[in-house]
Amino acid sequence: MNALKPEDTGVYYCAAIRVWGDSWLWVFENVEPNVWGQGTQ
C-alpha cells in the first residue's frame, strides 16, 4: 500500500474464495468467502 490517504484508514481483512469453474472475478464480486482472516488495523 503506497501513497496512503486518510480514507484508507480501517480494518483490512483477507479472504479466500474457492473457484470451481466460474470467472474468478465474478466469484470475488458475488460469492461469500470460504474463510476470513481476523483483520489488521
Full PDB file with SEQRES, HELIX, SHEET, SSBOND, CRYST1, ORIGX, SCALE, CONECT and MASTER records, all heavy atoms in Angstrom:
SEQRES   1 A   41  MET ASN ALA LEU LYS PRO GLU ASP THR GLY VAL TYR TYR          
SEQRES   2 A   41  CYS ALA ALA ILE ARG VAL TRP GLY ASP SER TRP LEU TRP          
SEQRES   3 A   41  VAL PHE GLU ASN VAL GLU PRO ASN VAL TRP GLY GLN GLY          
SEQRES   4 A   41  THR GLN                                                      
HELIX    1 AA1 PRO A    6  ASP A    8  5                                   3    
HELIX    2 AA2 TRP A   24  ASN A   30  1                                   7    
CRYST1    1.000    1.000    1.000  90.00  90.00  90.00 P 1           1          
ORIGX1      1.000000  0.000000  0.000000        0.00000                         
ORIGX2      0.000000  1.000000  0.000000        0.00000                         
ORIGX3      0.000000  0.000000  1.000000        0.00000                         
SCALE1      1.000000  0.000000  0.000000        0.00000                         
SCALE2      0.000000  1.000000  0.000000        0.00000                         
SCALE3      0.000000  0.000000  1.000000        0.00000                         
ATOM      1  N   MET A   1       0.852  -1.181   0.000  1.00  0.00           N  
ATOM      2  CA  MET A   1       0.000   0.000   0.000  1.00  0.00           C  
ATOM      3  C   MET A   1       0.890   1.233   0.000  1.00  0.00           C  
ATOM      4  O   MET A   1       1.622   1.474   0.971  1.00  0.00           O  
ATOM      5  CB  MET A   1      -0.903  -0.003   1.237  1.00  0.00           C  
ATOM      6  CG  MET A   1      -1.626  -1.335   1.451  1.00  0.00           C  
ATOM      7  SD  MET A   1      -2.354  -1.494   3.103  1.00  0.00           S  
ATOM      8  CE  MET A   1      -3.698  -0.345   2.994  1.00  0.00           C  
ATOM      9  N   ASN A   2       0.852   1.995  -1.090  1.00  0.00           N  
ATOM     10  CA  ASN A   2       1.651   3.211  -1.220  1.00  0.00           C  
ATOM     11  C   ASN A   2       0.746   4.438  -1.308  1.00  0.00           C  
ATOM     12  O   ASN A   2      -0.454   4.318  -1.563  1.00  0.00           O  
ATOM     13  CB  ASN A   2       2.525   3.135  -2.468  1.00  0.00           C  
ATOM     14  CG  ASN A   2       3.542   2.008  -2.414  1.00  0.00           C  
ATOM     15  OD1 ASN A   2       4.001   1.615  -1.337  1.00  0.00           O  
ATOM     16  ND2 ASN A   2       3.887   1.490  -3.578  1.00  0.00           N  
ATOM     17  N   ALA A   3       1.342   5.608  -1.110  1.00  0.00           N  
ATOM     18  CA  ALA A   3       0.593   6.868  -1.224  1.00  0.00           C  
ATOM     19  C   ALA A   3      -0.695   6.805  -0.414  1.00  0.00           C  
ATOM     20  O   ALA A   3      -1.768   7.168  -0.902  1.00  0.00           O  
ATOM     21  CB  ALA A   3       0.316   7.194  -2.684  1.00  0.00           C  
ATOM     22  N   LEU A   4      -0.590   6.343   0.822  1.00  0.00           N  
ATOM     23  CA  LEU A   4      -1.775   6.142   1.644  1.00  0.00           C  
ATOM     24  C   LEU A   4      -2.479   7.460   1.963  1.00  0.00           C  
ATOM     25  O   LEU A   4      -1.828   8.501   2.148  1.00  0.00           O  
ATOM     26  CB  LEU A   4      -1.404   5.401   2.919  1.00  0.00           C  
ATOM     27  CG  LEU A   4      -1.200   3.892   2.724  1.00  0.00           C  
ATOM     28  CD1 LEU A   4      -0.401   3.289   3.857  1.00  0.00           C  
ATOM     29  CD2 LEU A   4      -2.550   3.189   2.599  1.00  0.00           C  
ATOM     30  N   LYS A   5      -3.799   7.380   2.027  1.00  0.00           N  
ATOM     31  CA  LYS A   5      -4.646   8.538   2.296  1.00  0.00           C  
ATOM     32  C   LYS A   5      -5.436   8.291   3.584  1.00  0.00           C  
ATOM     33  O   LYS A   5      -5.670   7.144   3.956  1.00  0.00           O  
ATOM     34  CB  LYS A   5      -5.627   8.746   1.147  1.00  0.00           C  
ATOM     35  CG  LYS A   5      -4.993   8.874  -0.219  1.00  0.00           C  
ATOM     36  CD  LYS A   5      -6.060   8.945  -1.304  1.00  0.00           C  
ATOM     37  CE  LYS A   5      -5.441   9.060  -2.684  1.00  0.00           C  
ATOM     38  NZ  LYS A   5      -6.486   9.146  -3.743  1.00  0.00           N  
ATOM     39  N   PRO A   6      -5.878   9.368   4.246  1.00  0.00           N  
ATOM     40  CA  PRO A   6      -6.689   9.160   5.458  1.00  0.00           C  
ATOM     41  C   PRO A   6      -7.907   8.265   5.224  1.00  0.00           C  
ATOM     42  O   PRO A   6      -8.293   7.499   6.120  1.00  0.00           O  
ATOM     43  CB  PRO A   6      -7.108  10.587   5.838  1.00  0.00           C  
ATOM     44  CG  PRO A   6      -5.984  11.429   5.328  1.00  0.00           C  
ATOM     45  CD  PRO A   6      -5.557  10.778   4.040  1.00  0.00           C  
ATOM     46  N   GLU A   7      -8.487   8.325   4.045  1.00  0.00           N  
ATOM     47  CA  GLU A   7      -9.665   7.492   3.759  1.00  0.00           C  
ATOM     48  C   GLU A   7      -9.327   6.015   3.603  1.00  0.00           C  
ATOM     49  O   GLU A   7     -10.236   5.186   3.525  1.00  0.00           O  
ATOM     50  CB  GLU A   7     -10.404   7.988   2.506  1.00  0.00           C  
ATOM     51  CG  GLU A   7      -9.543   8.169   1.284  1.00  0.00           C  
ATOM     52  CD  GLU A   7      -9.096   9.619   1.105  1.00  0.00           C  
ATOM     53  OE1 GLU A   7      -8.710  10.263   2.111  1.00  0.00           O  
ATOM     54  OE2 GLU A   7      -9.111  10.081  -0.054  1.00  0.00           O  
ATOM     55  N   ASP A   8      -8.047   5.672   3.574  1.00  0.00           N  
ATOM     56  CA  ASP A   8      -7.661   4.257   3.566  1.00  0.00           C  
ATOM     57  C   ASP A   8      -7.693   3.662   4.974  1.00  0.00           C  
ATOM     58  O   ASP A   8      -7.521   2.445   5.138  1.00  0.00           O  
ATOM     59  CB  ASP A   8      -6.237   4.093   3.010  1.00  0.00           C  
ATOM     60  CG  ASP A   8      -6.123   4.493   1.552  1.00  0.00           C  
ATOM     61  OD1 ASP A   8      -7.050   4.180   0.773  1.00  0.00           O  
ATOM     62  OD2 ASP A   8      -5.115   5.127   1.195  1.00  0.00           O  
ATOM     63  N   THR A   9      -7.909   4.484   5.965  1.00  0.00           N  
ATOM     64  CA  THR A   9      -7.978   4.014   7.355  1.00  0.00           C  
ATOM     65  C   THR A   9      -9.096   3.001   7.533  1.00  0.00           C  
ATOM     66  O   THR A   9     -10.171   3.131   6.953  1.00  0.00           O  
ATOM     67  CB  THR A   9      -8.212   5.205   8.304  1.00  0.00           C  
ATOM     68  OG1 THR A   9      -7.054   6.027   8.292  1.00  0.00           O  
ATOM     69  CG2 THR A   9      -8.490   4.749   9.728  1.00  0.00           C  
ATOM     70  N   GLY A  10      -8.823   1.966   8.347  1.00  0.00           N  
ATOM     71  CA  GLY A  10      -9.823   0.960   8.640  1.00  0.00           C  
ATOM     72  C   GLY A  10      -9.175  -0.383   8.900  1.00  0.00           C  
ATOM     73  O   GLY A  10      -7.948  -0.492   8.989  1.00  0.00           O  
ATOM     74  N   VAL A  11     -10.011  -1.386   9.005  1.00  0.00           N  
ATOM     75  CA  VAL A  11      -9.529  -2.759   9.188  1.00  0.00           C  
ATOM     76  C   VAL A  11      -9.469  -3.441   7.821  1.00  0.00           C  
ATOM     77  O   VAL A  11     -10.420  -3.357   7.039  1.00  0.00           O  
ATOM     78  CB  VAL A  11     -10.431  -3.554  10.144  1.00  0.00           C  
ATOM     79  CG1 VAL A  11      -9.893  -4.969  10.326  1.00  0.00           C  
ATOM     80  CG2 VAL A  11     -10.544  -2.847  11.484  1.00  0.00           C  
ATOM     81  N   TYR A  12      -8.354  -4.081   7.576  1.00  0.00           N  
ATOM     82  CA  TYR A  12      -8.168  -4.809   6.320  1.00  0.00           C  
ATOM     83  C   TYR A  12      -8.222  -6.311   6.607  1.00  0.00           C  
ATOM     84  O   TYR A  12      -7.502  -6.815   7.482  1.00  0.00           O  
ATOM     85  CB  TYR A  12      -6.847  -4.433   5.663  1.00  0.00           C  
ATOM     86  CG  TYR A  12      -6.918  -3.086   4.995  1.00  0.00           C  
ATOM     87  CD1 TYR A  12      -6.867  -1.927   5.744  1.00  0.00           C  
ATOM     88  CD2 TYR A  12      -7.089  -2.972   3.609  1.00  0.00           C  
ATOM     89  CE1 TYR A  12      -6.972  -0.672   5.160  1.00  0.00           C  
ATOM     90  CE2 TYR A  12      -7.195  -1.719   3.006  1.00  0.00           C  
ATOM     91  CZ  TYR A  12      -7.139  -0.584   3.784  1.00  0.00           C  
ATOM     92  OH  TYR A  12      -7.255   0.641   3.188  1.00  0.00           O  
ATOM     93  N   TYR A  13      -9.075  -6.969   5.869  1.00  0.00           N  
ATOM     94  CA  TYR A  13      -9.253  -8.415   6.002  1.00  0.00           C  
ATOM     95  C   TYR A  13      -8.842  -9.085   4.691  1.00  0.00           C  
ATOM     96  O   TYR A  13      -9.138  -8.581   3.611  1.00  0.00           O  
ATOM     97  CB  TYR A  13     -10.719  -8.774   6.243  1.00  0.00           C  
ATOM     98  CG  TYR A  13     -11.333  -8.192   7.475  1.00  0.00           C  
ATOM     99  CD1 TYR A  13     -11.929  -6.937   7.457  1.00  0.00           C  
ATOM    100  CD2 TYR A  13     -11.359  -8.915   8.669  1.00  0.00           C  
ATOM    101  CE1 TYR A  13     -12.514  -6.398   8.586  1.00  0.00           C  
ATOM    102  CE2 TYR A  13     -11.949  -8.393   9.803  1.00  0.00           C  
ATOM    103  CZ  TYR A  13     -12.516  -7.133   9.756  1.00  0.00           C  
ATOM    104  OH  TYR A  13     -13.105  -6.609  10.888  1.00  0.00           O  
ATOM    105  N   CYS A  14      -8.180 -10.223   4.796  1.00  0.00           N  
ATOM    106  CA  CYS A  14      -8.023 -11.042   3.603  1.00  0.00           C  
ATOM    107  C   CYS A  14      -9.028 -12.188   3.683  1.00  0.00           C  
ATOM    108  O   CYS A  14      -9.472 -12.575   4.774  1.00  0.00           O  
ATOM    109  CB  CYS A  14      -6.609 -11.555   3.416  1.00  0.00           C  
ATOM    110  SG  CYS A  14      -6.013 -12.713   4.656  1.00  0.00           S  
ATOM    111  N   ALA A  15      -9.397 -12.692   2.529  1.00  0.00           N  
ATOM    112  CA  ALA A  15     -10.383 -13.758   2.449  1.00  0.00           C  
ATOM    113  C   ALA A  15     -10.085 -14.635   1.244  1.00  0.00           C  
ATOM    114  O   ALA A  15      -9.518 -14.156   0.254  1.00  0.00           O  
ATOM    115  CB  ALA A  15     -11.794 -13.187   2.342  1.00  0.00           C  
ATOM    116  N   ALA A  16     -10.470 -15.881   1.328  1.00  0.00           N  
ATOM    117  CA  ALA A  16     -10.244 -16.833   0.245  1.00  0.00           C  
ATOM    118  C   ALA A  16     -11.567 -17.406  -0.226  1.00  0.00           C  
ATOM    119  O   ALA A  16     -12.423 -17.781   0.594  1.00  0.00           O  
ATOM    120  CB  ALA A  16      -9.332 -17.961   0.718  1.00  0.00           C  
ATOM    121  N   ILE A  17     -11.725 -17.469  -1.545  1.00  0.00           N  
ATOM    122  CA  ILE A  17     -12.944 -17.979  -2.145  1.00  0.00           C  
ATOM    123  C   ILE A  17     -12.564 -19.049  -3.160  1.00  0.00           C  
ATOM    124  O   ILE A  17     -11.766 -18.786  -4.069  1.00  0.00           O  
ATOM    125  CB  ILE A  17     -13.739 -16.874  -2.859  1.00  0.00           C  
ATOM    126  CG1 ILE A  17     -13.807 -15.622  -1.995  1.00  0.00           C  
ATOM    127  CG2 ILE A  17     -15.133 -17.363  -3.214  1.00  0.00           C  
ATOM    128  CD1 ILE A  17     -14.102 -14.352  -2.747  1.00  0.00           C  
ATOM    129  N   ARG A  18     -13.130 -20.239  -3.027  1.00  0.00           N  
ATOM    130  CA  ARG A  18     -12.838 -21.328  -3.948  1.00  0.00           C  
ATOM    131  C   ARG A  18     -13.432 -21.032  -5.311  1.00  0.00           C  
ATOM    132  O   ARG A  18     -14.587 -20.627  -5.438  1.00  0.00           O  
ATOM    133  CB  ARG A  18     -13.404 -22.629  -3.399  1.00  0.00           C  
ATOM    134  CG  ARG A  18     -13.112 -23.882  -4.214  1.00  0.00           C  
ATOM    135  CD  ARG A  18     -11.664 -24.237  -4.234  1.00  0.00           C  
ATOM    136  NE  ARG A  18     -11.412 -25.610  -4.633  1.00  0.00           N  
ATOM    137  CZ  ARG A  18     -11.244 -26.010  -5.887  1.00  0.00           C  
ATOM    138  NH1 ARG A  18     -11.353 -25.128  -6.873  1.00  0.00           N  
ATOM    139  NH2 ARG A  18     -11.013 -27.278  -6.161  1.00  0.00           N  
ATOM    140  N   VAL A  19     -12.649 -21.261  -6.364  1.00  0.00           N  
ATOM    141  CA  VAL A  19     -13.114 -21.080  -7.734  1.00  0.00           C  
ATOM    142  C   VAL A  19     -13.313 -22.455  -8.343  1.00  0.00           C  
ATOM    143  O   VAL A  19     -12.362 -23.230  -8.469  1.00  0.00           O  
ATOM    144  CB  VAL A  19     -12.103 -20.259  -8.550  1.00  0.00           C  
ATOM    145  CG1 VAL A  19     -12.615 -20.074  -9.973  1.00  0.00           C  
ATOM    146  CG2 VAL A  19     -11.843 -18.908  -7.892  1.00  0.00           C  
ATOM    147  N   TRP A  20     -14.560 -22.765  -8.727  1.00  0.00           N  
ATOM    148  CA  TRP A  20     -14.868 -24.095  -9.270  1.00  0.00           C  
ATOM    149  C   TRP A  20     -14.933 -24.104 -10.785  1.00  0.00           C  
ATOM    150  O   TRP A  20     -14.636 -25.087 -11.418  1.00  0.00           O  
ATOM    151  CB  TRP A  20     -16.189 -24.599  -8.685  1.00  0.00           C  
ATOM    152  CG  TRP A  20     -16.090 -24.907  -7.237  1.00  0.00           C  
ATOM    153  CD1 TRP A  20     -16.514 -24.125  -6.208  1.00  0.00           C  
ATOM    154  CD2 TRP A  20     -15.527 -26.073  -6.631  1.00  0.00           C  
ATOM    155  NE1 TRP A  20     -16.247 -24.734  -5.001  1.00  0.00           N  
ATOM    156  CE2 TRP A  20     -15.643 -25.943  -5.237  1.00  0.00           C  
ATOM    157  CE3 TRP A  20     -14.930 -27.227  -7.138  1.00  0.00           C  
ATOM    158  CZ2 TRP A  20     -15.199 -26.904  -4.340  1.00  0.00           C  
ATOM    159  CZ3 TRP A  20     -14.481 -28.197  -6.245  1.00  0.00           C  
ATOM    160  CH2 TRP A  20     -14.624 -28.021  -4.865  1.00  0.00           C  
ATOM    161  N   GLY A  21     -15.338 -23.036 -11.401  1.00  0.00           N  
ATOM    162  CA  GLY A  21     -15.445 -23.034 -12.850  1.00  0.00           C  
ATOM    163  C   GLY A  21     -15.917 -21.708 -13.387  1.00  0.00           C  
ATOM    164  O   GLY A  21     -15.817 -21.426 -14.569  1.00  0.00           O  
ATOM    165  N   ASP A  22     -16.478 -20.884 -12.484  1.00  0.00           N  
ATOM    166  CA  ASP A  22     -16.908 -19.556 -12.894  1.00  0.00           C  
ATOM    167  C   ASP A  22     -15.705 -18.634 -13.030  1.00  0.00           C  
ATOM    168  O   ASP A  22     -14.589 -18.965 -12.610  1.00  0.00           O  
ATOM    169  CB  ASP A  22     -17.869 -18.963 -11.848  1.00  0.00           C  
ATOM    170  CG  ASP A  22     -19.119 -19.800 -11.692  1.00  0.00           C  
ATOM    171  OD1 ASP A  22     -19.885 -19.881 -12.659  1.00  0.00           O  
ATOM    172  OD2 ASP A  22     -19.300 -20.389 -10.613  1.00  0.00           O  
ATOM    173  N   SER A  23     -15.906 -17.483 -13.608  1.00  0.00           N  
ATOM    174  CA  SER A  23     -14.877 -16.451 -13.680  1.00  0.00           C  
ATOM    175  C   SER A  23     -14.390 -16.108 -12.275  1.00  0.00           C  
ATOM    176  O   SER A  23     -15.194 -15.900 -11.367  1.00  0.00           O  
ATOM    177  CB  SER A  23     -15.458 -15.202 -14.352  1.00  0.00           C  
ATOM    178  OG  SER A  23     -14.773 -14.049 -13.921  1.00  0.00           O  
ATOM    179  N   TRP A  24     -13.074 -16.048 -12.102  1.00  0.00           N  
ATOM    180  CA  TRP A  24     -12.530 -15.755 -10.770  1.00  0.00           C  
ATOM    181  C   TRP A  24     -12.965 -14.382 -10.297  1.00  0.00           C  
ATOM    182  O   TRP A  24     -13.187 -14.166  -9.103  1.00  0.00           O  
ATOM    183  CB  TRP A  24     -10.994 -15.870 -10.785  1.00  0.00           C  
ATOM    184  CG  TRP A  24     -10.310 -14.958 -11.753  1.00  0.00           C  
ATOM    185  CD1 TRP A  24     -10.001 -15.211 -13.056  1.00  0.00           C  
ATOM    186  CD2 TRP A  24      -9.882 -13.610 -11.504  1.00  0.00           C  
ATOM    187  NE1 TRP A  24      -9.415 -14.119 -13.621  1.00  0.00           N  
ATOM    188  CE2 TRP A  24      -9.309 -13.126 -12.707  1.00  0.00           C  
ATOM    189  CE3 TRP A  24      -9.912 -12.771 -10.390  1.00  0.00           C  
ATOM    190  CZ2 TRP A  24      -8.785 -11.846 -12.805  1.00  0.00           C  
ATOM    191  CZ3 TRP A  24      -9.387 -11.509 -10.495  1.00  0.00           C  
ATOM    192  CH2 TRP A  24      -8.834 -11.054 -11.706  1.00  0.00           C  
ATOM    193  N   LEU A  25     -13.113 -13.429 -11.217  1.00  0.00           N  
ATOM    194  CA  LEU A  25     -13.525 -12.082 -10.819  1.00  0.00           C  
ATOM    195  C   LEU A  25     -14.993 -12.079 -10.407  1.00  0.00           C  
ATOM    196  O   LEU A  25     -15.366 -11.426  -9.429  1.00  0.00           O  
ATOM    197  CB  LEU A  25     -13.272 -11.089 -11.946  1.00  0.00           C  
ATOM    198  CG  LEU A  25     -13.591  -9.627 -11.611  1.00  0.00           C  
ATOM    199  CD1 LEU A  25     -12.838  -9.172 -10.361  1.00  0.00           C  
ATOM    200  CD2 LEU A  25     -13.261  -8.730 -12.798  1.00  0.00           C  
ATOM    201  N   TRP A  26     -15.824 -12.843 -11.134  1.00  0.00           N  
ATOM    202  CA  TRP A  26     -17.233 -12.957 -10.764  1.00  0.00           C  
ATOM    203  C   TRP A  26     -17.341 -13.576  -9.362  1.00  0.00           C  
ATOM    204  O   TRP A  26     -18.146 -13.149  -8.540  1.00  0.00           O  
ATOM    205  CB  TRP A  26     -17.973 -13.811 -11.779  1.00  0.00           C  
ATOM    206  CG  TRP A  26     -19.441 -13.911 -11.513  1.00  0.00           C  
ATOM    207  CD1 TRP A  26     -20.434 -13.088 -11.975  1.00  0.00           C  
ATOM    208  CD2 TRP A  26     -20.094 -14.882 -10.687  1.00  0.00           C  
ATOM    209  NE1 TRP A  26     -21.660 -13.495 -11.493  1.00  0.00           N  
ATOM    210  CE2 TRP A  26     -21.485 -14.595 -10.702  1.00  0.00           C  
ATOM    211  CE3 TRP A  26     -19.646 -15.968  -9.944  1.00  0.00           C  
ATOM    212  CZ2 TRP A  26     -22.417 -15.360  -9.997  1.00  0.00           C  
ATOM    213  CZ3 TRP A  26     -20.571 -16.729  -9.241  1.00  0.00           C  
ATOM    214  CH2 TRP A  26     -21.935 -16.415  -9.272  1.00  0.00           C  
ATOM    215  N   VAL A  27     -16.522 -14.563  -9.105  1.00  0.00           N  
ATOM    216  CA  VAL A  27     -16.518 -15.208  -7.793  1.00  0.00           C  
ATOM    217  C   VAL A  27     -16.176 -14.198  -6.707  1.00  0.00           C  
ATOM    218  O   VAL A  27     -16.838 -14.130  -5.667  1.00  0.00           O  
ATOM    219  CB  VAL A  27     -15.531 -16.391  -7.782  1.00  0.00           C  
ATOM    220  CG1 VAL A  27     -15.268 -16.875  -6.369  1.00  0.00           C  
ATOM    221  CG2 VAL A  27     -16.063 -17.531  -8.642  1.00  0.00           C  
ATOM    222  N   PHE A  28     -15.149 -13.390  -6.947  1.00  0.00           N  
ATOM    223  CA  PHE A  28     -14.731 -12.392  -5.962  1.00  0.00           C  
ATOM    224  C   PHE A  28     -15.858 -11.416  -5.662  1.00  0.00           C  
ATOM    225  O   PHE A  28     -16.069 -11.019  -4.514  1.00  0.00           O  
ATOM    226  CB  PHE A  28     -13.506 -11.639  -6.473  1.00  0.00           C  
ATOM    227  CG  PHE A  28     -13.077 -10.465  -5.628  1.00  0.00           C  
ATOM    228  CD1 PHE A  28     -12.556 -10.654  -4.363  1.00  0.00           C  
ATOM    229  CD2 PHE A  28     -13.194  -9.169  -6.109  1.00  0.00           C  
ATOM    230  CE1 PHE A  28     -12.158  -9.569  -3.576  1.00  0.00           C  
ATOM    231  CE2 PHE A  28     -12.808  -8.075  -5.344  1.00  0.00           C  
ATOM    232  CZ  PHE A  28     -12.282  -8.280  -4.072  1.00  0.00           C  
ATOM    233  N   GLU A  29     -16.598 -11.017  -6.670  1.00  0.00           N  
ATOM    234  CA  GLU A  29     -17.630  -9.996  -6.520  1.00  0.00           C  
ATOM    235  C   GLU A  29     -18.971 -10.555  -6.056  1.00  0.00           C  
ATOM    236  O   GLU A  29     -19.831  -9.783  -5.628  1.00  0.00           O  
ATOM    237  CB  GLU A  29     -17.805  -9.246  -7.841  1.00  0.00           C  
ATOM    238  CG  GLU A  29     -16.569  -8.434  -8.224  1.00  0.00           C  
ATOM    239  CD  GLU A  29     -16.755  -7.675  -9.523  1.00  0.00           C  
ATOM    240  OE1 GLU A  29     -17.513  -8.151 -10.391  1.00  0.00           O  
ATOM    241  OE2 GLU A  29     -16.133  -6.610  -9.671  1.00  0.00           O  
ATOM    242  N   ASN A  30     -19.170 -11.872  -6.103  1.00  0.00           N  
ATOM    243  CA  ASN A  30     -20.505 -12.412  -5.832  1.00  0.00           C  
ATOM    244  C   ASN A  30     -20.592 -13.548  -4.825  1.00  0.00           C  
ATOM    245  O   ASN A  30     -21.700 -13.849  -4.361  1.00  0.00           O  
ATOM    246  CB  ASN A  30     -21.130 -12.906  -7.148  1.00  0.00           C  
ATOM    247  CG  ASN A  30     -21.398 -11.786  -8.115  1.00  0.00           C  
ATOM    248  OD1 ASN A  30     -22.385 -11.072  -7.990  1.00  0.00           O  
ATOM    249  ND2 ASN A  30     -20.508 -11.602  -9.071  1.00  0.00           N  
ATOM    250  N   VAL A  31     -19.488 -14.176  -4.515  1.00  0.00           N  
ATOM    251  CA  VAL A  31     -19.546 -15.370  -3.669  1.00  0.00           C  
ATOM    252  C   VAL A  31     -18.984 -15.085  -2.284  1.00  0.00           C  
ATOM    253  O   VAL A  31     -17.935 -14.452  -2.153  1.00  0.00           O  
ATOM    254  CB  VAL A  31     -18.771 -16.533  -4.335  1.00  0.00           C  
ATOM    255  CG1 VAL A  31     -18.795 -17.776  -3.432  1.00  0.00           C  
ATOM    256  CG2 VAL A  31     -19.363 -16.868  -5.693  1.00  0.00           C  
ATOM    257  N   GLU A  32     -19.686 -15.539  -1.279  1.00  0.00           N  
ATOM    258  CA  GLU A  32     -19.215 -15.367   0.101  1.00  0.00           C  
ATOM    259  C   GLU A  32     -17.930 -16.168   0.296  1.00  0.00           C  
ATOM    260  O   GLU A  32     -17.871 -17.335  -0.064  1.00  0.00           O  
ATOM    261  CB  GLU A  32     -20.292 -15.851   1.085  1.00  0.00           C  
ATOM    262  CG  GLU A  32     -19.938 -15.680   2.555  1.00  0.00           C  
ATOM    263  CD  GLU A  32     -19.833 -14.225   2.979  1.00  0.00           C  
ATOM    264  OE1 GLU A  32     -20.393 -13.344   2.295  1.00  0.00           O  
ATOM    265  OE2 GLU A  32     -19.196 -13.968   4.024  1.00  0.00           O  
ATOM    266  N   PRO A  33     -16.905 -15.565   0.877  1.00  0.00           N  
ATOM    267  CA  PRO A  33     -15.648 -16.288   1.082  1.00  0.00           C  
ATOM    268  C   PRO A  33     -15.792 -17.544   1.937  1.00  0.00           C  
ATOM    269  O   PRO A  33     -16.633 -17.609   2.823  1.00  0.00           O  
ATOM    270  CB  PRO A  33     -14.760 -15.257   1.780  1.00  0.00           C  
ATOM    271  CG  PRO A  33     -15.264 -13.940   1.280  1.00  0.00           C  
ATOM    272  CD  PRO A  33     -16.753 -14.133   1.197  1.00  0.00           C  
ATOM    273  N   ASN A  34     -14.925 -18.503   1.655  1.00  0.00           N  
ATOM    274  CA  ASN A  34     -14.874 -19.726   2.442  1.00  0.00           C  
ATOM    275  C   ASN A  34     -14.236 -19.486   3.804  1.00  0.00           C  
ATOM    276  O   ASN A  34     -14.537 -20.172   4.784  1.00  0.00           O  
ATOM    277  CB  ASN A  34     -14.075 -20.805   1.705  1.00  0.00           C  
ATOM    278  CG  ASN A  34     -14.711 -21.186   0.388  1.00  0.00           C  
ATOM    279  OD1 ASN A  34     -14.397 -20.613  -0.649  1.00  0.00           O  
ATOM    280  ND2 ASN A  34     -15.620 -22.140   0.402  1.00  0.00           N  
ATOM    281  N   VAL A  35     -13.316 -18.515   3.832  1.00  0.00           N  
ATOM    282  CA  VAL A  35     -12.611 -18.230   5.079  1.00  0.00           C  
ATOM    283  C   VAL A  35     -12.159 -16.776   5.092  1.00  0.00           C  
ATOM    284  O   VAL A  35     -11.792 -16.225   4.043  1.00  0.00           O  
ATOM    285  CB  VAL A  35     -11.403 -19.183   5.266  1.00  0.00           C  
ATOM    286  CG1 VAL A  35     -10.426 -19.082   4.111  1.00  0.00           C  
ATOM    287  CG2 VAL A  35     -10.715 -18.965   6.598  1.00  0.00           C  
ATOM    288  N   TRP A  36     -12.228 -16.170   6.289  1.00  0.00           N  
ATOM    289  CA  TRP A  36     -11.752 -14.805   6.514  1.00  0.00           C  
ATOM    290  C   TRP A  36     -10.589 -14.821   7.507  1.00  0.00           C  
ATOM    291  O   TRP A  36     -10.545 -15.667   8.415  1.00  0.00           O  
ATOM    292  CB  TRP A  36     -12.857 -13.946   7.129  1.00  0.00           C  
ATOM    293  CG  TRP A  36     -14.001 -13.615   6.248  1.00  0.00           C  
ATOM    294  CD1 TRP A  36     -15.180 -14.305   6.128  1.00  0.00           C  
ATOM    295  CD2 TRP A  36     -14.120 -12.497   5.366  1.00  0.00           C  
ATOM    296  NE1 TRP A  36     -16.005 -13.677   5.234  1.00  0.00           N  
ATOM    297  CE2 TRP A  36     -15.389 -12.564   4.751  1.00  0.00           C  
ATOM    298  CE3 TRP A  36     -13.280 -11.425   5.051  1.00  0.00           C  
ATOM    299  CZ2 TRP A  36     -15.825 -11.612   3.829  1.00  0.00           C  
ATOM    300  CZ3 TRP A  36     -13.725 -10.480   4.132  1.00  0.00           C  
ATOM    301  CH2 TRP A  36     -14.970 -10.579   3.539  1.00  0.00           C  
ATOM    302  N   GLY A  37      -9.689 -13.868   7.349  1.00  0.00           N  
ATOM    303  CA  GLY A  37      -8.703 -13.629   8.390  1.00  0.00           C  
ATOM    304  C   GLY A  37      -9.308 -12.792   9.497  1.00  0.00           C  
ATOM    305  O   GLY A  37     -10.464 -12.362   9.418  1.00  0.00           O  
ATOM    306  N   GLN A  38      -8.515 -12.545  10.523  1.00  0.00           N  
ATOM    307  CA  GLN A  38      -9.013 -11.835  11.707  1.00  0.00           C  
ATOM    308  C   GLN A  38      -8.991 -10.326  11.519  1.00  0.00           C  
ATOM    309  O   GLN A  38      -9.596  -9.598  12.317  1.00  0.00           O  
ATOM    310  CB  GLN A  38      -8.186 -12.227  12.945  1.00  0.00           C  
ATOM    311  CG  GLN A  38      -6.876 -11.473  13.116  1.00  0.00           C  
ATOM    312  CD  GLN A  38      -5.777 -11.923  12.168  1.00  0.00           C  
ATOM    313  OE1 GLN A  38      -5.940 -12.848  11.372  1.00  0.00           O  
ATOM    314  NE2 GLN A  38      -4.622 -11.264  12.280  1.00  0.00           N  
ATOM    315  N   GLY A  39      -8.292  -9.847  10.494  1.00  0.00           N  
ATOM    316  CA  GLY A  39      -8.219  -8.423  10.214  1.00  0.00           C  
ATOM    317  C   GLY A  39      -6.999  -7.772  10.841  1.00  0.00           C  
ATOM    318  O   GLY A  39      -6.480  -8.232  11.870  1.00  0.00           O  
ATOM    319  N   THR A  40      -6.543  -6.697  10.198  1.00  0.00           N  
ATOM    320  CA  THR A  40      -5.427  -5.913  10.719  1.00  0.00           C  
ATOM    321  C   THR A  40      -5.752  -4.430  10.538  1.00  0.00           C  
ATOM    322  O   THR A  40      -6.248  -4.032   9.495  1.00  0.00           O  
ATOM    323  CB  THR A  40      -4.095  -6.304  10.045  1.00  0.00           C  
ATOM    324  OG1 THR A  40      -3.016  -5.605  10.670  1.00  0.00           O  
ATOM    325  CG2 THR A  40      -4.084  -5.995   8.550  1.00  0.00           C  
ATOM    326  N   GLN A  41      -5.484  -3.642  11.572  1.00  0.00           N  
ATOM    327  CA  GLN A  41      -5.858  -2.234  11.568  1.00  0.00           C  
ATOM    328  C   GLN A  41      -4.819  -1.400  10.832  1.00  0.00           C  
ATOM    329  O   GLN A  41      -3.609  -1.522  11.087  1.00  0.00           O  
ATOM    330  CB  GLN A  41      -5.996  -1.720  13.006  1.00  0.00           C  
ATOM    331  CG  GLN A  41      -6.278  -0.241  13.129  1.00  0.00           C  
ATOM    332  CD  GLN A  41      -7.671   0.144  12.669  1.00  0.00           C  
ATOM    333  OE1 GLN A  41      -8.644  -0.563  12.928  1.00  0.00           O  
ATOM    334  NE2 GLN A  41      -7.784   1.273  11.963  1.00  0.00           N  
TER     335      GLN A  41                                                      
MASTER        0    0    0    2    0    0    0    6  334    1    0    4          
END                                                                             
